[in-house]
Amino acid sequence: MADLHVLENLDPATVAEGVADGRFLLVDVREPSEYDTEHIEGALLFPLSTFDPASLPDPEGRAIVFQCAAGGRSARAAEAAMAAGIPGRHLAGGLAAWKRAGLPTTR
């Protein structure tokens, strides 16, 4: 079980594998215009500007992983989630790291 007091930084390969095998629910905390321009397939949009951990969907046994453009907003969302009792995990480096790793996005 994840420590509720430590932010878990996950690399793109780990997140891609976890999304593919159903272990992770990816939550994109960028704004709708950013998401509409480009996003990771299957990521759910929950903008940080209106973020409320209580409104997150039931992950149905999956671990929630937050993601943004470069990692700053997703770290803040994960910290807010930890304060609400949800383990804090995020894609370190965000969408930029995902793309540098050669992983696909949807435009």
PDB file of N, CA and C in Angstrom:
ATOM      1  N   MET A   1       0.848  -1.188   0.000  1.00  0.00           N
ATOM      2  CA  MET A   1       0.000   0.000   0.000  1.00  0.00           C
ATOM      3  C   MET A   1       0.888   1.244   0.000  1.00  0.00           C
ATOM      4  N   ALA A   2       0.472   2.251  -0.754  1.00  0.00           N
ATOM      5  CA  ALA A   2       1.259   3.474  -0.865  1.00  0.00           C
ATOM      6  C   ALA A   2       1.207   4.272   0.429  1.00  0.00           C
ATOM      7  N   ASP A   3       2.310   4.954   0.723  1.00  0.00           N
ATOM      8  CA  ASP A   3       2.390   5.835   1.882  1.00  0.00           C
ATOM      9  C   ASP A   3       1.613   7.107   1.567  1.00  0.00           C
ATOM     10  N   LEU A   4       0.648   7.461   2.410  1.00  0.00           N
ATOM     11  CA  LEU A   4      -0.181   8.633   2.169  1.00  0.00           C
ATOM     12  C   LEU A   4       0.548   9.952   2.429  1.00  0.00           C
ATOM     13  N   HIS A   5       1.802   9.886   2.848  1.00  0.00           N
ATOM     14  CA  HIS A   5       2.547  11.104   3.161  1.00  0.00           C
ATOM     15  C   HIS A   5       3.713  11.348   2.206  1.00  0.00           C
ATOM     16  N   VAL A   6       3.878  10.461   1.217  1.00  0.00           N
ATOM     17  CA  VAL A   6       5.005  10.574   0.298  1.00  0.00           C
ATOM     18  C   VAL A   6       4.488  10.587  -1.140  1.00  0.00           C
ATOM     19  N   LEU A   7       4.848  11.623  -1.886  1.00  0.00           N
ATOM     20  CA  LEU A   7       4.482  11.719  -3.292  1.00  0.00           C
ATOM     21  C   LEU A   7       5.286  10.696  -4.076  1.00  0.00           C
ATOM     22  N   GLU A   8       4.601   9.868  -4.836  1.00  0.00           N
ATOM     23  CA  GLU A   8       5.251   8.841  -5.647  1.00  0.00           C
ATOM     24  C   GLU A   8       5.416   9.365  -7.072  1.00  0.00           C
ATOM     25  N   ASN A   9       6.667   9.525  -7.492  1.00  0.00           N
ATOM     26  CA  ASN A   9       6.991   9.989  -8.847  1.00  0.00           C
ATOM     27  C   ASN A   9       7.151   8.768  -9.743  1.00  0.00           C
ATOM     28  N   LEU A  10       6.299   8.662 -10.748  1.00  0.00           N
ATOM     29  CA  LEU A  10       6.346   7.514 -11.648  1.00  0.00           C
ATOM     30  C   LEU A  10       6.880   7.926 -13.012  1.00  0.00           C
ATOM     31  N   ASP A  11       7.681   7.068 -13.623  1.00  0.00           N
ATOM     32  CA  ASP A  11       8.231   7.360 -14.938  1.00  0.00           C
ATOM     33  C   ASP A  11       7.219   6.958 -16.019  1.00  0.00           C
ATOM     34  N   PRO A  12       7.379   7.494 -17.235  1.00  0.00           N
ATOM     35  CA  PRO A  12       6.416   7.224 -18.296  1.00  0.00           C
ATOM     36  C   PRO A  12       6.204   5.735 -18.594  1.00  0.00           C
ATOM     37  N   ALA A  13       7.268   4.952 -18.618  1.00  0.00           N
ATOM     38  CA  ALA A  13       7.119   3.526 -18.933  1.00  0.00           C
ATOM     39  C   ALA A  13       6.261   2.816 -17.887  1.00  0.00           C
ATOM     40  N   THR A  14       6.466   3.151 -16.618  1.00  0.00           N
ATOM     41  CA  THR A  14       5.688   2.541 -15.538  1.00  0.00           C
ATOM     42  C   THR A  14       4.216   2.924 -15.656  1.00  0.00           C
ATOM     43  N   VAL A  15       3.957   4.200 -15.949  1.00  0.00           N
ATOM     44  CA  VAL A  15       2.571   4.657 -16.093  1.00  0.00           C
ATOM     45  C   VAL A  15       1.922   4.001 -17.303  1.00  0.00           C
ATOM     46  N   ALA A  16       2.614   3.956 -18.428  1.00  0.00           N
ATOM     47  CA  ALA A  16       2.060   3.332 -19.635  1.00  0.00           C
ATOM     48  C   ALA A  16       1.705   1.873 -19.379  1.00  0.00           C
ATOM     49  N   GLU A  17       2.596   1.162 -18.720  1.00  0.00           N
ATOM     50  CA  GLU A  17       2.352  -0.247 -18.409  1.00  0.00           C
ATOM     51  C   GLU A  17       1.155  -0.395 -17.471  1.00  0.00           C
ATOM     52  N   GLY A  18       1.083   0.451 -16.443  1.00  0.00           N
ATOM     53  CA  GLY A  18      -0.009   0.378 -15.477  1.00  0.00           C
ATOM     54  C   GLY A  18      -1.359   0.731 -16.074  1.00  0.00           C
ATOM     55  N   VAL A  19      -1.379   1.688 -17.008  1.00  0.00           N
ATOM     56  CA  VAL A  19      -2.627   2.035 -17.694  1.00  0.00           C
ATOM     57  C   VAL A  19      -3.043   0.876 -18.594  1.00  0.00           C
ATOM     58  N   ALA A  20      -2.076   0.326 -19.325  1.00  0.00           N
ATOM     59  CA  ALA A  20      -2.365  -0.763 -20.266  1.00  0.00           C
ATOM     60  C   ALA A  20      -2.886  -2.012 -19.565  1.00  0.00           C
ATOM     61  N   ASP A  21      -2.324  -2.324 -18.397  1.00  0.00           N
ATOM     62  CA  ASP A  21      -2.761  -3.557 -17.727  1.00  0.00           C
ATOM     63  C   ASP A  21      -3.864  -3.331 -16.692  1.00  0.00           C
ATOM     64  N   GLY A  22      -4.381  -2.092 -16.627  1.00  0.00           N
ATOM     65  CA  GLY A  22      -5.525  -1.820 -15.766  1.00  0.00           C
ATOM     66  C   GLY A  22      -5.212  -1.569 -14.305  1.00  0.00           C
ATOM     67  N   ARG A  23      -3.934  -1.358 -13.962  1.00  0.00           N
ATOM     68  CA  ARG A  23      -3.574  -1.062 -12.575  1.00  0.00           C
ATOM     69  C   ARG A  23      -3.750   0.406 -12.232  1.00  0.00           C
ATOM     70  N   PHE A  24      -3.644   1.298 -13.236  1.00  0.00           N
ATOM     71  CA  PHE A  24      -3.681   2.740 -13.006  1.00  0.00           C
ATOM     72  C   PHE A  24      -4.864   3.396 -13.712  1.00  0.00           C
ATOM     73  N   LEU A  25      -5.454   4.375 -13.030  1.00  0.00           N
ATOM     74  CA  LEU A  25      -6.419   5.291 -13.625  1.00  0.00           C
ATOM     75  C   LEU A  25      -5.689   6.614 -13.784  1.00  0.00           C
ATOM     76  N   LEU A  26      -5.495   7.059 -15.014  1.00  0.00           N
ATOM     77  CA  LEU A  26      -4.747   8.281 -15.279  1.00  0.00           C
ATOM     78  C   LEU A  26      -5.697   9.473 -15.270  1.00  0.00           C
ATOM     79  N   VAL A  27      -5.357  10.484 -14.458  1.00  0.00           N
ATOM     80  CA  VAL A  27      -6.176  11.689 -14.317  1.00  0.00           C
ATOM     81  C   VAL A  27      -5.346  12.891 -14.765  1.00  0.00           C
ATOM     82  N   ASP A  28      -5.782  13.523 -15.841  1.00  0.00           N
ATOM     83  CA  ASP A  28      -5.104  14.682 -16.432  1.00  0.00           C
ATOM     84  C   ASP A  28      -5.650  15.937 -15.748  1.00  0.00           C
ATOM     85  N   VAL A  29      -4.776  16.722 -15.119  1.00  0.00           N
ATOM     86  CA  VAL A  29      -5.226  17.903 -14.372  1.00  0.00           C
ATOM     87  C   VAL A  29      -4.953  19.214 -15.125  1.00  0.00           C
ATOM     88  N   ARG A  30      -4.684  19.117 -16.423  1.00  0.00           N
ATOM     89  CA  ARG A  30      -4.522  20.336 -17.233  1.00  0.00           C
ATOM     90  C   ARG A  30      -5.896  20.921 -17.528  1.00  0.00           C
ATOM     91  N   GLU A  31      -5.920  22.036 -18.220  1.00  0.00           N
ATOM     92  CA  GLU A  31      -7.178  22.702 -18.573  1.00  0.00           C
ATOM     93  C   GLU A  31      -7.788  22.059 -19.827  1.00  0.00           C
ATOM     94  N   PRO A  32      -9.103  22.199 -20.015  1.00  0.00           N
ATOM     95  CA  PRO A  32      -9.771  21.568 -21.154  1.00  0.00           C
ATOM     96  C   PRO A  32      -9.139  21.889 -22.510  1.00  0.00           C
ATOM     97  N   SER A  33      -8.717  23.125 -22.719  1.00  0.00           N
ATOM     98  CA  SER A  33      -8.118  23.482 -24.017  1.00  0.00           C
ATOM     99  C   SER A  33      -6.821  22.705 -24.257  1.00  0.00           C
ATOM    100  N   GLU A  34      -6.039  22.493 -23.196  1.00  0.00           N
ATOM    101  CA  GLU A  34      -4.802  21.717 -23.321  1.00  0.00           C
ATOM    102  C   GLU A  34      -5.124  20.258 -23.637  1.00  0.00           C
ATOM    103  N   TYR A  35      -6.087  19.716 -22.905  1.00  0.00           N
ATOM    104  CA  TYR A  35      -6.504  18.328 -23.095  1.00  0.00           C
ATOM    105  C   TYR A  35      -7.027  18.122 -24.518  1.00  0.00           C
ATOM    106  N   ASP A  36      -7.850  19.066 -24.995  1.00  0.00           N
ATOM    107  CA  ASP A  36      -8.427  18.949 -26.342  1.00  0.00           C
ATOM    108  C   ASP A  36      -7.351  18.984 -27.422  1.00  0.00           C
ATOM    109  N   THR A  37      -6.276  19.715 -27.183  1.00  0.00           N
ATOM    110  CA  THR A  37      -5.187  19.809 -28.152  1.00  0.00           C
ATOM    111  C   THR A  37      -4.418  18.502 -28.243  1.00  0.00           C
ATOM    112  N   GLU A  38      -4.127  17.905 -27.084  1.00  0.00           N
ATOM    113  CA  GLU A  38      -3.357  16.654 -27.052  1.00  0.00           C
ATOM    114  C   GLU A  38      -3.475  16.036 -25.667  1.00  0.00           C
ATOM    115  N   HIS A  39      -3.700  14.736 -25.633  1.00  0.00           N
ATOM    116  CA  HIS A  39      -3.778  14.041 -24.348  1.00  0.00           C
ATOM    117  C   HIS A  39      -3.363  12.583 -24.500  1.00  0.00           C
ATOM    118  N   ILE A  40      -3.207  11.936 -23.371  1.00  0.00           N
ATOM    119  CA  ILE A  40      -2.892  10.516 -23.346  1.00  0.00           C
ATOM    120  C   ILE A  40      -4.215   9.758 -23.422  1.00  0.00           C
ATOM    121  N   GLU A  41      -4.291   8.820 -24.342  1.00  0.00           N
ATOM    122  CA  GLU A  41      -5.516   8.034 -24.531  1.00  0.00           C
ATOM    123  C   GLU A  41      -5.953   7.405 -23.213  1.00  0.00           C
ATOM    124  N   GLY A  42      -7.218   7.592 -22.872  1.00  0.00           N
ATOM    125  CA  GLY A  42      -7.785   7.001 -21.662  1.00  0.00           C
ATOM    126  C   GLY A  42      -7.697   7.874 -20.426  1.00  0.00           C
ATOM    127  N   ALA A  43      -6.941   8.980 -20.501  1.00  0.00           N
ATOM    128  CA  ALA A  43      -6.821   9.871 -19.341  1.00  0.00           C
ATOM    129  C   ALA A  43      -8.135  10.623 -19.132  1.00  0.00           C
ATOM    130  N   LEU A  44      -8.551  10.726 -17.874  1.00  0.00           N
ATOM    131  CA  LEU A  44      -9.751  11.482 -17.523  1.00  0.00           C
ATOM    132  C   LEU A  44      -9.357  12.910 -17.188  1.00  0.00           C
ATOM    133  N   LEU A  45     -10.170  13.869 -17.604  1.00  0.00           N
ATOM    134  CA  LEU A  45      -9.860  15.281 -17.369  1.00  0.00           C
ATOM    135  C   LEU A  45     -10.492  15.765 -16.067  1.00  0.00           C
ATOM    136  N   PHE A  46      -9.644  16.265 -15.144  1.00  0.00           N
ATOM    137  CA  PHE A  46     -10.060  16.895 -13.887  1.00  0.00           C
ATOM    138  C   PHE A  46      -9.134  18.082 -13.663  1.00  0.00           C
ATOM    139  N   PRO A  47      -9.447  19.257 -14.257  1.00  0.00           N
ATOM    140  CA  PRO A  47      -8.542  20.414 -14.194  1.00  0.00           C
ATOM    141  C   PRO A  47      -8.174  20.823 -12.761  1.00  0.00           C
ATOM    142  N   LEU A  48      -6.920  21.146 -12.572  1.00  0.00           N
ATOM    143  CA  LEU A  48      -6.454  21.585 -11.262  1.00  0.00           C
ATOM    144  C   LEU A  48      -7.172  22.858 -10.825  1.00  0.00           C
ATOM    145  N   SER A  49      -7.567  23.712 -11.777  1.00  0.00           N
ATOM    146  CA  SER A  49      -8.224  24.974 -11.436  1.00  0.00           C
ATOM    147  C   SER A  49      -9.539  24.764 -10.685  1.00  0.00           C
ATOM    148  N   THR A  50     -10.159  23.614 -10.842  1.00  0.00           N
ATOM    149  CA  THR A  50     -11.414  23.310 -10.147  1.00  0.00           C
ATOM    150  C   THR A  50     -11.308  21.996  -9.385  1.00  0.00           C
ATOM    151  N   PHE A  51     -10.087  21.571  -9.105  1.00  0.00           N
ATOM    152  CA  PHE A  51      -9.829  20.244  -8.538  1.00  0.00           C
ATOM    153  C   PHE A  51     -10.386  20.074  -7.135  1.00  0.00           C
ATOM    154  N   ASP A  52     -11.113  19.000  -6.945  1.00  0.00           N
ATOM    155  CA  ASP A  52     -11.634  18.610  -5.635  1.00  0.00           C
ATOM    156  C   ASP A  52     -11.452  17.102  -5.514  1.00  0.00           C
ATOM    157  N   PRO A  53     -10.541  16.650  -4.642  1.00  0.00           N
ATOM    158  CA  PRO A  53     -10.312  15.209  -4.515  1.00  0.00           C
ATOM    159  C   PRO A  53     -11.594  14.411  -4.243  1.00  0.00           C
ATOM    160  N   ALA A  54     -12.559  15.025  -3.582  1.00  0.00           N
ATOM    161  CA  ALA A  54     -13.812  14.317  -3.274  1.00  0.00           C
ATOM    162  C   ALA A  54     -14.623  14.013  -4.528  1.00  0.00           C
ATOM    163  N   SER A  55     -14.359  14.720  -5.624  1.00  0.00           N
ATOM    164  CA  SER A  55     -15.125  14.497  -6.850  1.00  0.00           C
ATOM    165  C   SER A  55     -14.461  13.504  -7.802  1.00  0.00           C
ATOM    166  N   LEU A  56     -13.313  12.959  -7.408  1.00  0.00           N
ATOM    167  CA  LEU A  56     -12.647  11.974  -8.260  1.00  0.00           C
ATOM    168  C   LEU A  56     -13.535  10.743  -8.410  1.00  0.00           C
ATOM    169  N   PRO A  57     -13.504  10.119  -9.580  1.00  0.00           N
ATOM    170  CA  PRO A  57     -14.326   8.925  -9.770  1.00  0.00           C
ATOM    171  C   PRO A  57     -13.781   7.747  -8.962  1.00  0.00           C
ATOM    172  N   ASP A  58     -14.621   6.781  -8.731  1.00  0.00           N
ATOM    173  CA  ASP A  58     -14.187   5.546  -8.083  1.00  0.00           C
ATOM    174  C   ASP A  58     -13.178   4.882  -9.016  1.00  0.00           C
ATOM    175  N   PRO A  59     -11.957   4.656  -8.570  1.00  0.00           N
ATOM    176  CA  PRO A  59     -10.955   4.064  -9.452  1.00  0.00           C
ATOM    177  C   PRO A  59     -11.156   2.563  -9.685  1.00  0.00           C
ATOM    178  N   GLU A  60     -12.173   1.988  -9.040  1.00  0.00           N
ATOM    179  CA  GLU A  60     -12.525   0.584  -9.244  1.00  0.00           C
ATOM    180  C   GLU A  60     -11.320  -0.337  -9.092  1.00  0.00           C
ATOM    181  N   GLY A  61     -10.596  -0.155  -7.994  1.00  0.00           N
ATOM    182  CA  GLY A  61      -9.461  -1.019  -7.686  1.00  0.00           C
ATOM    183  C   GLY A  61      -8.141  -0.583  -8.297  1.00  0.00           C
ATOM    184  N   ARG A  62      -8.174   0.424  -9.134  1.00  0.00           N
ATOM    185  CA  ARG A  62      -6.943   0.923  -9.747  1.00  0.00           C
ATOM    186  C   ARG A  62      -6.354   2.033  -8.879  1.00  0.00           C
ATOM    187  N   ALA A  63      -5.061   2.252  -9.029  1.00  0.00           N
ATOM    188  CA  ALA A  63      -4.401   3.370  -8.364  1.00  0.00           C
ATOM    189  C   ALA A  63      -4.547   4.601  -9.252  1.00  0.00           C
ATOM    190  N   ILE A  64      -4.880   5.742  -8.652  1.00  0.00           N
ATOM    191  CA  ILE A  64      -4.974   6.988  -9.405  1.00  0.00           C
ATOM    192  C   ILE A  64      -3.576   7.571  -9.588  1.00  0.00           C
ATOM    193  N   VAL A  65      -3.287   7.966 -10.832  1.00  0.00           N
ATOM    194  CA  VAL A  65      -2.026   8.628 -11.171  1.00  0.00           C
ATOM    195  C   VAL A  65      -2.394   9.949 -11.837  1.00  0.00           C
ATOM    196  N   PHE A  66      -1.874  11.046 -11.305  1.00  0.00           N
ATOM    197  CA  PHE A  66      -2.152  12.370 -11.851  1.00  0.00           C
ATOM    198  C   PHE A  66      -1.105  12.723 -12.902  1.00  0.00           C
ATOM    199  N   GLN A  67      -1.529  13.509 -13.892  1.00  0.00           N
ATOM    200  CA  GLN A  67      -0.650  13.889 -14.995  1.00  0.00           C
ATOM    201  C   GLN A  67      -1.002  15.295 -15.458  1.00  0.00           C
ATOM    202  N   CYS A  68       0.016  16.054 -15.846  1.00  0.00           N
ATOM    203  CA  CYS A  68      -0.187  17.394 -16.419  1.00  0.00           C
ATOM    204  C   CYS A  68       0.806  17.563 -17.560  1.00  0.00           C
ATOM    205  N   ALA A  69       1.178  18.792 -17.868  1.00  0.00           N
ATOM    206  CA  ALA A  69       2.098  19.043 -18.981  1.00  0.00           C
ATOM    207  C   ALA A  69       3.553  18.724 -18.621  1.00  0.00           C
ATOM    208  N   ALA A  70       3.997  19.172 -17.435  1.00  0.00           N
ATOM    209  CA  ALA A  70       5.405  19.016 -17.075  1.00  0.00           C
ATOM    210  C   ALA A  70       5.636  18.432 -15.678  1.00  0.00           C
ATOM    211  N   GLY A  71       4.592  18.249 -14.899  1.00  0.00           N
ATOM    212  CA  GLY A  71       4.732  17.625 -13.587  1.00  0.00           C
ATOM    213  C   GLY A  71       4.393  18.494 -12.395  1.00  0.00           C
ATOM    214  N   GLY A  72       4.344  19.814 -12.564  1.00  0.00           N
ATOM    215  CA  GLY A  72       4.065  20.706 -11.443  1.00  0.00           C
ATOM    216  C   GLY A  72       2.629  20.629 -10.951  1.00  0.00           C
ATOM    217  N   ARG A  73       1.691  20.745 -11.873  1.00  0.00           N
ATOM    218  CA  ARG A  73       0.281  20.707 -11.465  1.00  0.00           C
ATOM    219  C   ARG A  73      -0.123  19.320 -10.973  1.00  0.00           C
ATOM    220  N   SER A  74       0.415  18.282 -11.601  1.00  0.00           N
ATOM    221  CA  SER A  74       0.056  16.935 -11.155  1.00  0.00           C
ATOM    222  C   SER A  74       0.606  16.659  -9.756  1.00  0.00           C
ATOM    223  N   ALA A  75       1.765  17.210  -9.430  1.00  0.00           N
ATOM    224  CA  ALA A  75       2.306  17.057  -8.072  1.00  0.00           C
ATOM    225  C   ALA A  75       1.397  17.764  -7.070  1.00  0.00           C
ATOM    226  N   ARG A  76       0.887  18.960  -7.427  1.00  0.00           N
ATOM    227  CA  ARG A  76      -0.033  19.678  -6.536  1.00  0.00           C
ATOM    228  C   ARG A  76      -1.342  18.901  -6.361  1.00  0.00           C
ATOM    229  N   ALA A  77      -1.852  18.316  -7.448  1.00  0.00           N
ATOM    230  CA  ALA A  77      -3.081  17.518  -7.354  1.00  0.00           C
ATOM    231  C   ALA A  77      -2.844  16.293  -6.471  1.00  0.00           C
ATOM    232  N   ALA A  78      -1.705  15.652  -6.629  1.00  0.00           N
ATOM    233  CA  ALA A  78      -1.389  14.478  -5.813  1.00  0.00           C
ATOM    234  C   ALA A  78      -1.269  14.859  -4.345  1.00  0.00           C
ATOM    235  N   GLU A  79      -0.680  16.024  -4.061  1.00  0.00           N
ATOM    236  CA  GLU A  79      -0.572  16.484  -2.670  1.00  0.00           C
ATOM    237  C   GLU A  79      -1.951  16.763  -2.081  1.00  0.00           C
ATOM    238  N   ALA A  80      -2.857  17.358  -2.880  1.00  0.00           N
ATOM    239  CA  ALA A  80      -4.228  17.593  -2.412  1.00  0.00           C
ATOM    240  C   ALA A  80      -4.943  16.267  -2.177  1.00  0.00           C
ATOM    241  N   ALA A  81      -4.691  15.306  -3.041  1.00  0.00           N
ATOM    242  CA  ALA A  81      -5.293  13.980  -2.874  1.00  0.00           C
ATOM    243  C   ALA A  81      -4.781  13.321  -1.593  1.00  0.00           C
ATOM    244  N   MET A  82      -3.475  13.440  -1.347  1.00  0.00           N
ATOM    245  CA  MET A  82      -2.908  12.852  -0.126  1.00  0.00           C
ATOM    246  C   MET A  82      -3.543  13.472   1.114  1.00  0.00           C
ATOM    247  N   ALA A  83      -3.782  14.777   1.082  1.00  0.00           N
ATOM    248  CA  ALA A  83      -4.414  15.449   2.216  1.00  0.00           C
ATOM    249  C   ALA A  83      -5.830  14.932   2.445  1.00  0.00           C
ATOM    250  N   ALA A  84      -6.449  14.390   1.370  1.00  0.00           N
ATOM    251  CA  ALA A  84      -7.801  13.841   1.465  1.00  0.00           C
ATOM    252  C   ALA A  84      -7.790  12.327   1.680  1.00  0.00           C
ATOM    253  N   GLY A  85      -6.589  11.763   1.908  1.00  0.00           N
ATOM    254  CA  GLY A  85      -6.500  10.335   2.194  1.00  0.00           C
ATOM    255  C   GLY A  85      -6.342   9.437   0.986  1.00  0.00           C
ATOM    256  N   ILE A  86      -6.019  10.022  -0.173  1.00  0.00           N
ATOM    257  CA  ILE A  86      -5.821   9.254  -1.401  1.00  0.00           C
ATOM    258  C   ILE A  86      -4.323   9.213  -1.682  1.00  0.00           C
ATOM    259  N   PRO A  87      -3.747   8.038  -1.963  1.00  0.00           N
ATOM    260  CA  PRO A  87      -2.308   7.978  -2.246  1.00  0.00           C
ATOM    261  C   PRO A  87      -1.923   8.922  -3.378  1.00  0.00           C
ATOM    262  N   GLY A  88      -0.791   9.605  -3.217  1.00  0.00           N
ATOM    263  CA  GLY A  88      -0.336  10.596  -4.186  1.00  0.00           C
ATOM    264  C   GLY A  88       0.672  10.029  -5.160  1.00  0.00           C
ATOM    265  N   ARG A  89       0.228   9.844  -6.387  1.00  0.00           N
ATOM    266  CA  ARG A  89       1.104   9.361  -7.456  1.00  0.00           C
ATOM    267  C   ARG A  89       0.961  10.305  -8.637  1.00  0.00           C
ATOM    268  N   HIS A  90       2.085  10.562  -9.322  1.00  0.00           N
ATOM    269  CA  HIS A  90       1.970  11.366 -10.533  1.00  0.00           C
ATOM    270  C   HIS A  90       3.024  10.968 -11.540  1.00  0.00           C
ATOM    271  N   LEU A  91       2.744  11.325 -12.789  1.00  0.00           N
ATOM    272  CA  LEU A  91       3.668  11.089 -13.889  1.00  0.00           C
ATOM    273  C   LEU A  91       4.727  12.177 -13.826  1.00  0.00           C
ATOM    274  N   ALA A  92       5.909  11.823 -13.354  1.00  0.00           N
ATOM    275  CA  ALA A  92       7.005  12.792 -13.247  1.00  0.00           C
ATOM    276  C   ALA A  92       7.371  13.283 -14.640  1.00  0.00           C
ATOM    277  N   GLY A  93       7.404  14.597 -14.808  1.00  0.00           N
ATOM    278  CA  GLY A  93       7.733  15.184 -16.098  1.00  0.00           C
ATOM    279  C   GLY A  93       6.539  15.350 -17.017  1.00  0.00           C
ATOM    280  N   GLY A  94       5.397  14.828 -16.607  1.00  0.00           N
ATOM    281  CA  GLY A  94       4.143  15.026 -17.322  1.00  0.00           C
ATOM    282  C   GLY A  94       4.130  14.547 -18.762  1.00  0.00           C
ATOM    283  N   LEU A  95       3.257  15.187 -19.529  1.00  0.00           N
ATOM    284  CA  LEU A  95       3.078  14.845 -20.939  1.00  0.00           C
ATOM    285  C   LEU A  95       4.389  15.016 -21.713  1.00  0.00           C
ATOM    286  N   ALA A  96       5.188  15.986 -21.333  1.00  0.00           N
ATOM    287  CA  ALA A  96       6.472  16.199 -22.011  1.00  0.00           C
ATOM    288  C   ALA A  96       7.372  14.970 -21.869  1.00  0.00           C
ATOM    289  N   ALA A  97       7.461  14.403 -20.673  1.00  0.00           N
ATOM    290  CA  ALA A  97       8.277  13.205 -20.455  1.00  0.00           C
ATOM    291  C   ALA A  97       7.686  12.015 -21.203  1.00  0.00           C
ATOM    292  N   TRP A  98       6.361  11.923 -21.197  1.00  0.00           N
ATOM    293  CA  TRP A  98       5.663  10.842 -21.915  1.00  0.00           C
ATOM    294  C   TRP A  98       6.054  10.865 -23.404  1.00  0.00           C
ATOM    295  N   LYS A  99       6.009  12.059 -23.999  1.00  0.00           N
ATOM    296  CA  LYS A  99       6.342  12.191 -25.414  1.00  0.00           C
ATOM    297  C   LYS A  99       7.833  11.946 -25.662  1.00  0.00           C
ATOM    298  N   ARG A 100       8.694  12.422 -24.759  1.00  0.00           N
ATOM    299  CA  ARG A 100      10.145  12.156 -24.905  1.00  0.00           C
ATOM    300  C   ARG A 100      10.435  10.663 -24.874  1.00  0.00           C
ATOM    301  N   ALA A 101       9.603   9.914 -24.140  1.00  0.00           N
ATOM    302  CA  ALA A 101       9.770   8.463 -24.049  1.00  0.00           C
ATOM    303  C   ALA A 101       9.237   7.747 -25.295  1.00  0.00           C
ATOM    304  N   GLY A 102       8.682   8.533 -26.229  1.00  0.00           N
ATOM    305  CA  GLY A 102       8.184   7.954 -27.467  1.00  0.00           C
ATOM    306  C   GLY A 102       6.820   7.310 -27.354  1.00  0.00           C
ATOM    307  N   LEU A 103       6.083   7.651 -26.293  1.00  0.00           N
ATOM    308  CA  LEU A 103       4.757   7.067 -26.079  1.00  0.00           C
ATOM    309  C   LEU A 103       3.701   7.879 -26.822  1.00  0.00           C
ATOM    310  N   PRO A 104       2.614   7.234 -27.250  1.00  0.00           N
ATOM    311  CA  PRO A 104       1.627   7.897 -28.097  1.00  0.00           C
ATOM    312  C   PRO A 104       0.688   8.847 -27.348  1.00  0.00           C
ATOM    313  N   THR A 105       0.213   9.838 -28.091  1.00  0.00           N
ATOM    314  CA  THR A 105      -0.802  10.761 -27.587  1.00  0.00           C
ATOM    315  C   THR A 105      -1.918  10.828 -28.624  1.00  0.00           C
ATOM    316  N   THR A 106      -3.044  11.387 -28.197  1.00  0.00           N
ATOM    317  CA  THR A 106      -4.184  11.595 -29.084  1.00  0.00           C
ATOM    318  C   THR A 106      -4.303  13.080 -29.325  1.00  0.00           C
ATOM    319  N   ARG A 107      -4.434  13.471 -30.582  1.00  0.00           N
ATOM    320  CA  ARG A 107      -4.578  14.880 -30.961  1.00  0.00           C
ATOM    321  C   ARG A 107      -5.973  15.116 -31.473  1.00  0.00           C
TER     322      ARG A 107
END
